[in-house]
PDB file of N, CA and C in Angstrom:
ATOM      1  N   UNK A   1      21.912  15.140  65.419  1.00  0.00           N
ATOM      2  CA  UNK A   1      22.231  16.489  64.993  1.00  0.00           C
ATOM      3  C   UNK A   1      21.123  17.433  65.428  1.00  0.00           C
ATOM      4  N   UNK A   2      21.511  18.571  65.990  1.00  0.00           N
ATOM      5  CA  UNK A   2      20.536  19.556  66.439  1.00  0.00           C
ATOM      6  C   UNK A   2      19.896  20.234  65.231  1.00  0.00           C
ATOM      7  N   UNK A   3      18.588  20.471  65.314  1.00  0.00           N
ATOM      8  CA  UNK A   3      17.965  21.213  64.213  1.00  0.00           C
ATOM      9  C   UNK A   3      18.503  22.627  64.157  1.00  0.00           C
ATOM     10  N   UNK A   4      18.607  23.155  62.960  1.00  0.00           N
ATOM     11  CA  UNK A   4      19.102  24.519  62.771  1.00  0.00           C
ATOM     12  C   UNK A   4      17.933  25.474  62.902  1.00  0.00           C
ATOM     13  N   UNK A   5      18.138  26.531  63.662  1.00  0.00           N
ATOM     14  CA  UNK A   5      17.100  27.540  63.804  1.00  0.00           C
ATOM     15  C   UNK A   5      16.748  28.096  62.432  1.00  0.00           C
ATOM     16  N   UNK A   6      15.454  28.286  62.146  1.00  0.00           N
ATOM     17  CA  UNK A   6      15.077  28.848  60.841  1.00  0.00           C
ATOM     18  C   UNK A   6      15.729  30.199  60.575  1.00  0.00           C
ATOM     19  N   UNK A   7      16.003  30.960  61.621  1.00  0.00           N
ATOM     20  CA  UNK A   7      16.575  32.286  61.456  1.00  0.00           C
ATOM     21  C   UNK A   7      18.052  32.188  61.087  1.00  0.00           C
ATOM     22  N   UNK A   8      18.720  31.098  61.466  1.00  0.00           N
ATOM     23  CA  UNK A   8      20.149  30.953  61.192  1.00  0.00           C
ATOM     24  C   UNK A   8      20.410  30.293  59.842  1.00  0.00           C
ATOM     25  N   UNK A   9      19.372  29.845  59.177  1.00  0.00           N
ATOM     26  CA  UNK A   9      19.540  29.187  57.886  1.00  0.00           C
ATOM     27  C   UNK A   9      19.915  30.194  56.809  1.00  0.00           C
ATOM     28  N   UNK A  10      20.613  29.731  55.782  1.00  0.00           N
ATOM     29  CA  UNK A  10      20.927  30.625  54.661  1.00  0.00           C
ATOM     30  C   UNK A  10      19.649  31.137  54.000  1.00  0.00           C
ATOM     31  N   UNK A  11      19.790  32.247  53.298  1.00  0.00           N
ATOM     32  CA  UNK A  11      18.648  32.942  52.700  1.00  0.00           C
ATOM     33  C   UNK A  11      17.814  32.067  51.779  1.00  0.00           C
ATOM     34  N   UNK A  12      18.429  31.126  51.056  1.00  0.00           N
ATOM     35  CA  UNK A  12      17.648  30.320  50.118  1.00  0.00           C
ATOM     36  C   UNK A  12      16.618  29.461  50.828  1.00  0.00           C
ATOM     37  N   UNK A  13      16.736  29.298  52.138  1.00  0.00           N
ATOM     38  CA  UNK A  13      15.796  28.488  52.896  1.00  0.00           C
ATOM     39  C   UNK A  13      14.787  29.349  53.649  1.00  0.00           C
ATOM     40  N   UNK A  14      14.935  30.655  53.572  1.00  0.00           N
ATOM     41  CA  UNK A  14      14.060  31.556  54.327  1.00  0.00           C
ATOM     42  C   UNK A  14      12.606  31.444  53.869  1.00  0.00           C
ATOM     43  N   UNK A  15      12.359  31.292  52.571  1.00  0.00           N
ATOM     44  CA  UNK A  15      10.984  31.259  52.096  1.00  0.00           C
ATOM     45  C   UNK A  15      10.188  30.127  52.738  1.00  0.00           C
ATOM     46  N   UNK A  16      10.841  28.996  53.009  1.00  0.00           N
ATOM     47  CA  UNK A  16      10.114  27.876  53.581  1.00  0.00           C
ATOM     48  C   UNK A  16       9.748  28.117  55.042  1.00  0.00           C
ATOM     49  N   UNK A  17      10.496  28.948  55.726  1.00  0.00           N
ATOM     50  CA  UNK A  17      10.194  29.229  57.130  1.00  0.00           C
ATOM     51  C   UNK A  17       9.436  30.543  57.285  1.00  0.00           C
ATOM     52  N   UNK A  18       9.643  31.452  56.388  1.00  0.00           N
ATOM     53  CA  UNK A  18       8.957  32.742  56.277  1.00  0.00           C
ATOM     54  C   UNK A  18       8.655  33.443  57.598  1.00  0.00           C
ATOM     55  N   UNK A  19       9.669  34.057  58.155  1.00  0.00           N
ATOM     56  CA  UNK A  19       9.518  34.809  59.404  1.00  0.00           C
ATOM     57  C   UNK A  19       8.518  35.945  59.259  1.00  0.00           C
ATOM     58  N   UNK A  20       8.286  36.367  58.028  1.00  0.00           N
ATOM     59  CA  UNK A  20       7.393  37.500  57.815  1.00  0.00           C
ATOM     60  C   UNK A  20       5.947  37.162  58.126  1.00  0.00           C
ATOM     61  N   UNK A  21       5.583  35.885  58.026  1.00  0.00           N
ATOM     62  CA  UNK A  21       4.236  35.488  58.435  1.00  0.00           C
ATOM     63  C   UNK A  21       4.063  35.714  59.933  1.00  0.00           C
ATOM     64  N   UNK A  22       5.116  35.441  60.688  1.00  0.00           N
ATOM     65  CA  UNK A  22       5.071  35.656  62.132  1.00  0.00           C
ATOM     66  C   UNK A  22       4.922  37.132  62.463  1.00  0.00           C
ATOM     67  N   UNK A  23       5.404  37.989  61.586  1.00  0.00           N
ATOM     68  CA  UNK A  23       5.291  39.431  61.802  1.00  0.00           C
ATOM     69  C   UNK A  23       3.945  39.978  61.325  1.00  0.00           C
ATOM     70  N   UNK A  24       3.105  39.111  60.759  1.00  0.00           N
ATOM     71  CA  UNK A  24       1.772  39.511  60.329  1.00  0.00           C
ATOM     72  C   UNK A  24       1.740  40.354  59.069  1.00  0.00           C
ATOM     73  N   UNK A  25       2.720  40.181  58.188  1.00  0.00           N
ATOM     74  CA  UNK A  25       2.779  40.973  56.964  1.00  0.00           C
ATOM     75  C   UNK A  25       1.879  40.381  55.880  1.00  0.00           C
ATOM     76  N   UNK A  26       1.325  41.269  55.045  1.00  0.00           N
ATOM     77  CA  UNK A  26       0.540  40.788  53.914  1.00  0.00           C
ATOM     78  C   UNK A  26       1.475  40.396  52.765  1.00  0.00           C
ATOM     79  N   UNK A  27       0.912  39.909  51.653  1.00  0.00           N
ATOM     80  CA  UNK A  27       1.722  39.405  50.540  1.00  0.00           C
ATOM     81  C   UNK A  27       2.681  40.456  49.974  1.00  0.00           C
ATOM     82  N   UNK A  28       2.210  41.683  49.798  1.00  0.00           N
ATOM     83  CA  UNK A  28       3.072  42.735  49.245  1.00  0.00           C
ATOM     84  C   UNK A  28       4.213  43.057  50.203  1.00  0.00           C
ATOM     85  N   UNK A  29       3.899  43.154  51.477  1.00  0.00           N
ATOM     86  CA  UNK A  29       4.935  43.442  52.471  1.00  0.00           C
ATOM     87  C   UNK A  29       5.955  42.302  52.544  1.00  0.00           C
ATOM     88  N   UNK A  30       5.476  41.055  52.457  1.00  0.00           N
ATOM     89  CA  UNK A  30       6.395  39.906  52.502  1.00  0.00           C
ATOM     90  C   UNK A  30       7.313  39.896  51.297  1.00  0.00           C
ATOM     91  N   UNK A  31       6.790  40.212  50.119  1.00  0.00           N
ATOM     92  CA  UNK A  31       7.609  40.232  48.907  1.00  0.00           C
ATOM     93  C   UNK A  31       8.703  41.292  49.023  1.00  0.00           C
ATOM     94  N   UNK A  32       8.339  42.488  49.448  1.00  0.00           N
ATOM     95  CA  UNK A  32       9.320  43.567  49.614  1.00  0.00           C
ATOM     96  C   UNK A  32      10.331  43.206  50.696  1.00  0.00           C
ATOM     97  N   UNK A  33       9.864  42.646  51.790  1.00  0.00           N
ATOM     98  CA  UNK A  33      10.753  42.297  52.895  1.00  0.00           C
ATOM     99  C   UNK A  33      11.721  41.192  52.516  1.00  0.00           C
ATOM    100  N   UNK A  34      11.275  40.219  51.734  1.00  0.00           N
ATOM    101  CA  UNK A  34      12.179  39.155  51.296  1.00  0.00           C
ATOM    102  C   UNK A  34      13.278  39.750  50.423  1.00  0.00           C
ATOM    103  N   UNK A  35      12.922  40.692  49.561  1.00  0.00           N
ATOM    104  CA  UNK A  35      13.927  41.373  48.735  1.00  0.00           C
ATOM    105  C   UNK A  35      14.925  42.109  49.624  1.00  0.00           C
ATOM    106  N   UNK A  36      14.421  42.840  50.616  1.00  0.00           N
ATOM    107  CA  UNK A  36      15.309  43.568  51.531  1.00  0.00           C
ATOM    108  C   UNK A  36      16.191  42.598  52.311  1.00  0.00           C
ATOM    109  N   UNK A  37      15.610  41.485  52.738  1.00  0.00           N
ATOM    110  CA  UNK A  37      16.371  40.500  53.496  1.00  0.00           C
ATOM    111  C   UNK A  37      17.517  39.938  52.659  1.00  0.00           C
ATOM    112  N   UNK A  38      17.267  39.726  51.382  1.00  0.00           N
ATOM    113  CA  UNK A  38      18.308  39.219  50.487  1.00  0.00           C
ATOM    114  C   UNK A  38      19.459  40.212  50.354  1.00  0.00           C
ATOM    115  N   UNK A  39      19.167  41.488  50.496  1.00  0.00           N
ATOM    116  CA  UNK A  39      20.216  42.508  50.429  1.00  0.00           C
ATOM    117  C   UNK A  39      21.229  42.342  51.567  1.00  0.00           C
ATOM    118  N   UNK A  40      20.797  41.747  52.679  1.00  0.00           N
ATOM    119  CA  UNK A  40      21.684  41.556  53.824  1.00  0.00           C
ATOM    120  C   UNK A  40      22.600  40.339  53.668  1.00  0.00           C
ATOM    121  N   UNK A  41      22.437  39.588  52.591  1.00  0.00           N
ATOM    122  CA  UNK A  41      23.321  38.455  52.328  1.00  0.00           C
ATOM    123  C   UNK A  41      22.723  37.126  52.740  1.00  0.00           C
ATOM    124  N   UNK A  42      23.525  36.061  52.637  1.00  0.00           N
ATOM    125  CA  UNK A  42      23.013  34.711  52.870  1.00  0.00           C
ATOM    126  C   UNK A  42      22.691  34.409  54.339  1.00  0.00           C
ATOM    127  N   UNK A  43      23.237  35.180  55.268  1.00  0.00           N
ATOM    128  CA  UNK A  43      22.945  34.969  56.691  1.00  0.00           C
ATOM    129  C   UNK A  43      22.601  36.310  57.319  1.00  0.00           C
ATOM    130  N   UNK A  44      21.391  36.795  57.052  1.00  0.00           N
ATOM    131  CA  UNK A  44      21.030  38.154  57.453  1.00  0.00           C
ATOM    132  C   UNK A  44      21.073  38.413  58.954  1.00  0.00           C
ATOM    133  N   UNK A  45      20.699  37.440  59.762  1.00  0.00           N
ATOM    134  CA  UNK A  45      20.732  37.655  61.213  1.00  0.00           C
ATOM    135  C   UNK A  45      22.173  37.865  61.679  1.00  0.00           C
ATOM    136  N   UNK A  46      23.075  37.018  61.219  1.00  0.00           N
ATOM    137  CA  UNK A  46      24.486  37.153  61.606  1.00  0.00           C
ATOM    138  C   UNK A  46      25.067  38.472  61.102  1.00  0.00           C
ATOM    139  N   UNK A  47      24.673  38.872  59.900  1.00  0.00           N
ATOM    140  CA  UNK A  47      25.128  40.148  59.335  1.00  0.00           C
ATOM    141  C   UNK A  47      24.667  41.307  60.196  1.00  0.00           C
ATOM    142  N   UNK A  48      23.392  41.295  60.546  1.00  0.00           N
ATOM    143  CA  UNK A  48      22.844  42.376  61.357  1.00  0.00           C
ATOM    144  C   UNK A  48      23.491  42.400  62.743  1.00  0.00           C
ATOM    145  N   UNK A  49      23.671  41.239  63.345  1.00  0.00           N
ATOM    146  CA  UNK A  49      24.320  41.176  64.658  1.00  0.00           C
ATOM    147  C   UNK A  49      25.742  41.743  64.607  1.00  0.00           C
ATOM    148  N   UNK A  50      26.483  41.378  63.569  1.00  0.00           N
ATOM    149  CA  UNK A  50      27.867  41.845  63.445  1.00  0.00           C
ATOM    150  C   UNK A  50      27.929  43.359  63.293  1.00  0.00           C
ATOM    151  N   UNK A  51      27.061  43.913  62.462  1.00  0.00           N
ATOM    152  CA  UNK A  51      27.085  45.356  62.244  1.00  0.00           C
ATOM    153  C   UNK A  51      26.652  46.127  63.485  1.00  0.00           C
ATOM    154  N   UNK A  52      25.676  45.592  64.203  1.00  0.00           N
ATOM    155  CA  UNK A  52      25.261  46.219  65.461  1.00  0.00           C
ATOM    156  C   UNK A  52      26.396  46.139  66.478  1.00  0.00           C
ATOM    157  N   UNK A  53      27.082  44.986  66.532  1.00  0.00           N
ATOM    158  CA  UNK A  53      28.226  44.842  67.444  1.00  0.00           C
ATOM    159  C   UNK A  53      29.340  45.835  67.123  1.00  0.00           C
ATOM    160  N   UNK A  54      29.453  46.198  65.852  1.00  0.00           N
ATOM    161  CA  UNK A  54      30.463  47.185  65.449  1.00  0.00           C
ATOM    162  C   UNK A  54      30.034  48.617  65.769  1.00  0.00           C
ATOM    163  N   UNK A  55      28.803  48.772  66.245  1.00  0.00           N
ATOM    164  CA  UNK A  55      28.334  50.087  66.666  1.00  0.00           C
ATOM    165  C   UNK A  55      27.528  50.858  65.638  1.00  0.00           C
ATOM    166  N   UNK A  56      27.171  50.232  64.513  1.00  0.00           N
ATOM    167  CA  UNK A  56      26.364  50.929  63.513  1.00  0.00           C
ATOM    168  C   UNK A  56      24.926  51.054  64.000  1.00  0.00           C
ATOM    169  N   UNK A  57      24.297  52.165  63.655  1.00  0.00           N
ATOM    170  CA  UNK A  57      22.889  52.384  63.999  1.00  0.00           C
ATOM    171  C   UNK A  57      22.008  51.742  62.941  1.00  0.00           C
ATOM    172  N   UNK A  58      20.729  51.657  63.243  1.00  0.00           N
ATOM    173  CA  UNK A  58      19.771  51.125  62.269  1.00  0.00           C
ATOM    174  C   UNK A  58      19.812  51.938  60.970  1.00  0.00           C
ATOM    175  N   UNK A  59      19.896  53.259  61.107  1.00  0.00           N
ATOM    176  CA  UNK A  59      19.925  54.132  59.928  1.00  0.00           C
ATOM    177  C   UNK A  59      21.183  53.893  59.093  1.00  0.00           C
ATOM    178  N   UNK A  60      22.318  53.719  59.753  1.00  0.00           N
ATOM    179  CA  UNK A  60      23.566  53.475  59.022  1.00  0.00           C
ATOM    180  C   UNK A  60      23.533  52.122  58.302  1.00  0.00           C
ATOM    181  N   UNK A  61      23.008  51.107  58.977  1.00  0.00           N
ATOM    182  CA  UNK A  61      22.897  49.781  58.361  1.00  0.00           C
ATOM    183  C   UNK A  61      21.949  49.841  57.175  1.00  0.00           C
ATOM    184  N   UNK A  62      20.824  50.503  57.359  1.00  0.00           N
ATOM    185  CA  UNK A  62      19.844  50.636  56.279  1.00  0.00           C
ATOM    186  C   UNK A  62      20.449  51.358  55.081  1.00  0.00           C
ATOM    187  N   UNK A  63      21.179  52.418  55.339  1.00  0.00           N
ATOM    188  CA  UNK A  63      21.812  53.170  54.255  1.00  0.00           C
ATOM    189  C   UNK A  63      22.842  52.348  53.507  1.00  0.00           C
ATOM    190  N   UNK A  64      23.612  51.556  54.234  1.00  0.00           N
ATOM    191  CA  UNK A  64      24.644  50.731  53.613  1.00  0.00           C
ATOM    192  C   UNK A  64      24.035  49.704  52.656  1.00  0.00           C
ATOM    193  N   UNK A  65      22.925  49.086  53.070  1.00  0.00           N
ATOM    194  CA  UNK A  65      22.307  48.039  52.248  1.00  0.00           C
ATOM    195  C   UNK A  65      21.200  48.553  51.333  1.00  0.00           C
ATOM    196  N   UNK A  66      20.833  49.813  51.476  1.00  0.00           N
ATOM    197  CA  UNK A  66      19.783  50.369  50.629  1.00  0.00           C
ATOM    198  C   UNK A  66      18.400  49.820  50.951  1.00  0.00           C
ATOM    199  N   UNK A  67      18.136  49.622  52.233  1.00  0.00           N
ATOM    200  CA  UNK A  67      16.830  49.138  52.680  1.00  0.00           C
ATOM    201  C   UNK A  67      16.250  50.157  53.658  1.00  0.00           C
ATOM    202  N   UNK A  68      14.947  50.123  53.896  1.00  0.00           N
ATOM    203  CA  UNK A  68      14.362  51.084  54.831  1.00  0.00           C
ATOM    204  C   UNK A  68      14.861  50.881  56.260  1.00  0.00           C
ATOM    205  N   UNK A  69      15.050  51.981  56.970  1.00  0.00           N
ATOM    206  CA  UNK A  69      15.472  51.918  58.369  1.00  0.00           C
ATOM    207  C   UNK A  69      14.462  51.127  59.197  1.00  0.00           C
ATOM    208  N   UNK A  70      13.180  51.299  58.890  1.00  0.00           N
ATOM    209  CA  UNK A  70      12.141  50.584  59.645  1.00  0.00           C
ATOM    210  C   UNK A  70      12.280  49.071  59.496  1.00  0.00           C
ATOM    211  N   UNK A  71      12.784  48.623  58.337  1.00  0.00           N
ATOM    212  CA  UNK A  71      13.002  47.187  58.114  1.00  0.00           C
ATOM    213  C   UNK A  71      14.110  46.676  59.027  1.00  0.00           C
ATOM    214  N   UNK A  72      15.201  47.423  59.115  1.00  0.00           N
ATOM    215  CA  UNK A  72      16.321  47.039  59.981  1.00  0.00           C
ATOM    216  C   UNK A  72      15.856  47.000  61.438  1.00  0.00           C
ATOM    217  N   UNK A  73      15.109  48.009  61.848  1.00  0.00           N
ATOM    218  CA  UNK A  73      14.602  48.067  63.220  1.00  0.00           C
ATOM    219  C   UNK A  73      13.680  46.890  63.504  1.00  0.00           C
ATOM    220  N   UNK A  74      12.795  46.567  62.567  1.00  0.00           N
ATOM    221  CA  UNK A  74      11.876  45.435  62.731  1.00  0.00           C
ATOM    222  C   UNK A  74      12.633  44.128  62.896  1.00  0.00           C
ATOM    223  N   UNK A  75      13.641  43.897  62.044  1.00  0.00           N
ATOM    224  CA  UNK A  75      14.429  42.663  62.157  1.00  0.00           C
ATOM    225  C   UNK A  75      15.184  42.599  63.477  1.00  0.00           C
ATOM    226  N   UNK A  76      15.806  43.709  63.858  1.00  0.00           N
ATOM    227  CA  UNK A  76      16.559  43.725  65.113  1.00  0.00           C
ATOM    228  C   UNK A  76      15.637  43.425  66.296  1.00  0.00           C
ATOM    229  N   UNK A  77      14.455  43.988  66.283  1.00  0.00           N
ATOM    230  CA  UNK A  77      13.493  43.720  67.359  1.00  0.00           C
ATOM    231  C   UNK A  77      13.030  42.264  67.314  1.00  0.00           C
ATOM    232  N   UNK A  78      12.722  41.752  66.122  1.00  0.00           N
ATOM    233  CA  UNK A  78      12.245  40.376  65.968  1.00  0.00           C
ATOM    234  C   UNK A  78      13.285  39.378  66.457  1.00  0.00           C
ATOM    235  N   UNK A  79      14.563  39.623  66.107  1.00  0.00           N
ATOM    236  CA  UNK A  79      15.646  38.712  66.476  1.00  0.00           C
ATOM    237  C   UNK A  79      16.224  39.047  67.855  1.00  0.00           C
ATOM    238  N   UNK A  80      15.626  40.010  68.553  1.00  0.00           N
ATOM    239  CA  UNK A  80      16.066  40.415  69.885  1.00  0.00           C
ATOM    240  C   UNK A  80      17.541  40.812  69.902  1.00  0.00           C
ATOM    241  N   UNK A  81      17.932  41.588  68.899  1.00  0.00           N
ATOM    242  CA  UNK A  81      19.294  42.119  68.818  1.00  0.00           C
ATOM    243  C   UNK A  81      19.287  43.484  69.496  1.00  0.00           C
ATOM    244  N   UNK A  82      20.139  43.644  70.495  1.00  0.00           N
ATOM    245  CA  UNK A  82      20.217  44.917  71.211  1.00  0.00           C
ATOM    246  C   UNK A  82      20.850  45.955  70.286  1.00  0.00           C
ATOM    247  N   UNK A  83      20.119  46.992  69.969  1.00  0.00           N
ATOM    248  CA  UNK A  83      20.593  47.984  69.001  1.00  0.00           C
ATOM    249  C   UNK A  83      20.180  49.379  69.420  1.00  0.00           C
ATOM    250  N   UNK A  84      20.987  50.333  68.994  1.00  0.00           N
ATOM    251  CA  UNK A  84      20.641  51.748  69.200  1.00  0.00           C
ATOM    252  C   UNK A  84      19.937  52.226  67.959  1.00  0.00           C
ATOM    253  N   UNK A  85      18.854  52.913  68.156  1.00  0.00           N
ATOM    254  CA  UNK A  85      18.107  53.407  67.008  1.00  0.00           C
ATOM    255  C   UNK A  85      18.646  54.730  66.498  1.00  0.00           C
ATOM    256  N   UNK A  86      19.332  55.450  67.344  1.00  0.00           N
ATOM    257  CA  UNK A  86      19.893  56.745  66.953  1.00  0.00           C
ATOM    258  C   UNK A  86      21.376  56.768  67.263  1.00  0.00           C
ATOM    259  N   UNK A  87      22.171  57.466  66.451  1.00  0.00           N
ATOM    260  CA  UNK A  87      23.609  57.518  66.729  1.00  0.00           C
ATOM    261  C   UNK A  87      23.901  58.263  68.024  1.00  0.00           C
ATOM    262  N   UNK A  88      24.886  57.765  68.759  1.00  0.00           N
ATOM    263  CA  UNK A  88      25.338  58.441  69.975  1.00  0.00           C
ATOM    264  C   UNK A  88      26.472  59.377  69.593  1.00  0.00           C
ATOM    265  N   UNK A  89      26.188  60.656  69.458  1.00  0.00           N
ATOM    266  CA  UNK A  89      27.178  61.622  69.010  1.00  0.00           C
ATOM    267  C   UNK A  89      27.474  62.616  70.089  1.00  0.00           C
TER     268      UNK A  89
END
């Protein structure tokens, strides 16, 4: 069986892999970010990919989940998700 990517694991397993350490966050930032990540549901990477594929901007995604836009942008960049930072109007 192939190992599951830490990023694709459900949220309850995120603490053991802690992607936020890779981003160089301190304890307070990691605590806040884990809370924000939980807002995206049990599979945050897949959620973010789906919403970006539907054409939502970082600001729209952030507003929907009640998390900072900078958090959405950071995750999209970390997971190499191609995203628009501003709406194309």
